[in-house]
Amino acid sequence: MAQNRIDQIVAALERDWPRWHIWVVHRVVGATLWCARRWDDTGNALNADTPEELVALLEQEASR
């Protein structure tokens, strides 16, 4: 996935989830890791293999 496209996805996720800091970790081996942590630094960091998986984790956290 091109960096510009990743930046666009991160920006869209941050618009949809404003209480969360969203970022990616580019691995040397394997796919990009999608991460999120609440801006108020409560709770655990979330890690997913895809942006869709990250959204599912964010939705799960929001329902708690």
C-alpha atoms as a PDB file:
ATOM      1  CA  MET A   1       0.000   0.000   0.000  1.00  0.00           C
ATOM      2  CA  ALA A   2       1.474   3.350  -1.004  1.00  0.00           C
ATOM      3  CA  GLN A   3       2.400   5.757   1.785  1.00  0.00           C
ATOM      4  CA  ASN A   4       0.043   8.464   0.512  1.00  0.00           C
ATOM      5  CA  ARG A   5      -2.866   5.994   0.646  1.00  0.00           C
ATOM      6  CA  ILE A   6      -1.886   4.941   4.179  1.00  0.00           C
ATOM      7  CA  ASP A   7      -1.798   8.603   5.252  1.00  0.00           C
ATOM      8  CA  GLN A   8      -5.286   9.087   3.806  1.00  0.00           C
ATOM      9  CA  ILE A   9      -6.620   6.073   5.701  1.00  0.00           C
ATOM     10  CA  VAL A  10      -5.019   7.254   8.955  1.00  0.00           C
ATOM     11  CA  ALA A  11      -6.540  10.731   8.494  1.00  0.00           C
ATOM     12  CA  ALA A  12      -9.989   9.232   7.834  1.00  0.00           C
ATOM     13  CA  LEU A  13      -9.740   6.997  10.902  1.00  0.00           C
ATOM     14  CA  GLU A  14      -8.710   9.956  13.071  1.00  0.00           C
ATOM     15  CA  ARG A  15     -11.706  11.936  11.783  1.00  0.00           C
ATOM     16  CA  ASP A  16     -14.010   9.025  12.611  1.00  0.00           C
ATOM     17  CA  TRP A  17     -12.364   8.335  15.991  1.00  0.00           C
ATOM     18  CA  PRO A  18     -11.257  11.751  17.346  1.00  0.00           C
ATOM     19  CA  ARG A  19     -10.512  10.445  20.853  1.00  0.00           C
ATOM     20  CA  TRP A  20      -7.916   8.069  19.451  1.00  0.00           C
ATOM     21  CA  HIS A  21      -4.383   8.616  18.156  1.00  0.00           C
ATOM     22  CA  ILE A  22      -3.988   6.373  15.092  1.00  0.00           C
ATOM     23  CA  TRP A  23      -0.660   5.434  13.548  1.00  0.00           C
ATOM     24  CA  VAL A  24       1.046   2.707  11.561  1.00  0.00           C
ATOM     25  CA  VAL A  25       4.238   0.746  12.070  1.00  0.00           C
ATOM     26  CA  HIS A  26       5.967  -0.328   8.883  1.00  0.00           C
ATOM     27  CA  ARG A  27       7.575  -3.712   9.479  1.00  0.00           C
ATOM     28  CA  VAL A  28      10.607  -4.926   7.578  1.00  0.00           C
ATOM     29  CA  VAL A  29       9.043  -8.382   7.354  1.00  0.00           C
ATOM     30  CA  GLY A  30       5.285  -8.692   7.081  1.00  0.00           C
ATOM     31  CA  ALA A  31       2.448  -6.272   6.676  1.00  0.00           C
ATOM     32  CA  THR A  32       1.965  -2.822   8.158  1.00  0.00           C
ATOM     33  CA  LEU A  33       0.735  -2.812  11.762  1.00  0.00           C
ATOM     34  CA  TRP A  34      -2.209  -0.472  12.445  1.00  0.00           C
ATOM     35  CA  CYS A  35      -2.244   0.992  15.968  1.00  0.00           C
ATOM     36  CA  ALA A  36      -4.457   3.169  18.136  1.00  0.00           C
ATOM     37  CA  ARG A  37      -4.281   4.613  21.649  1.00  0.00           C
ATOM     38  CA  ARG A  38      -6.682   6.939  23.404  1.00  0.00           C
ATOM     39  CA  TRP A  39      -5.455  10.546  23.541  1.00  0.00           C
ATOM     40  CA  ASP A  40      -6.205  10.587  27.296  1.00  0.00           C
ATOM     41  CA  ASP A  41      -3.768   7.643  27.640  1.00  0.00           C
ATOM     42  CA  THR A  42      -6.303   5.374  29.344  1.00  0.00           C
ATOM     43  CA  GLY A  43      -6.599   1.748  28.390  1.00  0.00           C
ATOM     44  CA  ASN A  44      -4.367  -0.357  26.222  1.00  0.00           C
ATOM     45  CA  ALA A  45      -2.972   0.299  22.781  1.00  0.00           C
ATOM     46  CA  LEU A  46      -4.799  -1.529  20.023  1.00  0.00           C
ATOM     47  CA  ASN A  47      -2.905  -3.317  17.252  1.00  0.00           C
ATOM     48  CA  ALA A  48      -4.327  -4.803  14.065  1.00  0.00           C
ATOM     49  CA  ASP A  49      -3.139  -6.175  10.749  1.00  0.00           C
ATOM     50  CA  THR A  50      -5.582  -4.106   8.663  1.00  0.00           C
ATOM     51  CA  PRO A  51      -7.450  -0.820   9.041  1.00  0.00           C
ATOM     52  CA  GLU A  52     -10.726  -2.769   8.967  1.00  0.00           C
ATOM     53  CA  GLU A  53      -9.575  -4.928  11.863  1.00  0.00           C
ATOM     54  CA  LEU A  54      -8.550  -1.788  13.754  1.00  0.00           C
ATOM     55  CA  VAL A  55     -12.031  -0.304  13.249  1.00  0.00           C
ATOM     56  CA  ALA A  56     -13.552  -3.492  14.653  1.00  0.00           C
ATOM     57  CA  LEU A  57     -11.326  -3.180  17.736  1.00  0.00           C
ATOM     58  CA  LEU A  58     -12.236   0.501  18.130  1.00  0.00           C
ATOM     59  CA  GLU A  59     -15.939  -0.354  17.897  1.00  0.00           C
ATOM     60  CA  GLN A  60     -15.465  -3.063  20.509  1.00  0.00           C
ATOM     61  CA  GLU A  61     -13.757  -0.570  22.833  1.00  0.00           C
ATOM     62  CA  ALA A  62     -16.523   1.975  22.271  1.00  0.00           C
ATOM     63  CA  SER A  63     -19.185  -0.541  23.289  1.00  0.00           C
ATOM     64  CA  ARG A  64     -17.577  -1.153  26.684  1.00  0.00           C
END
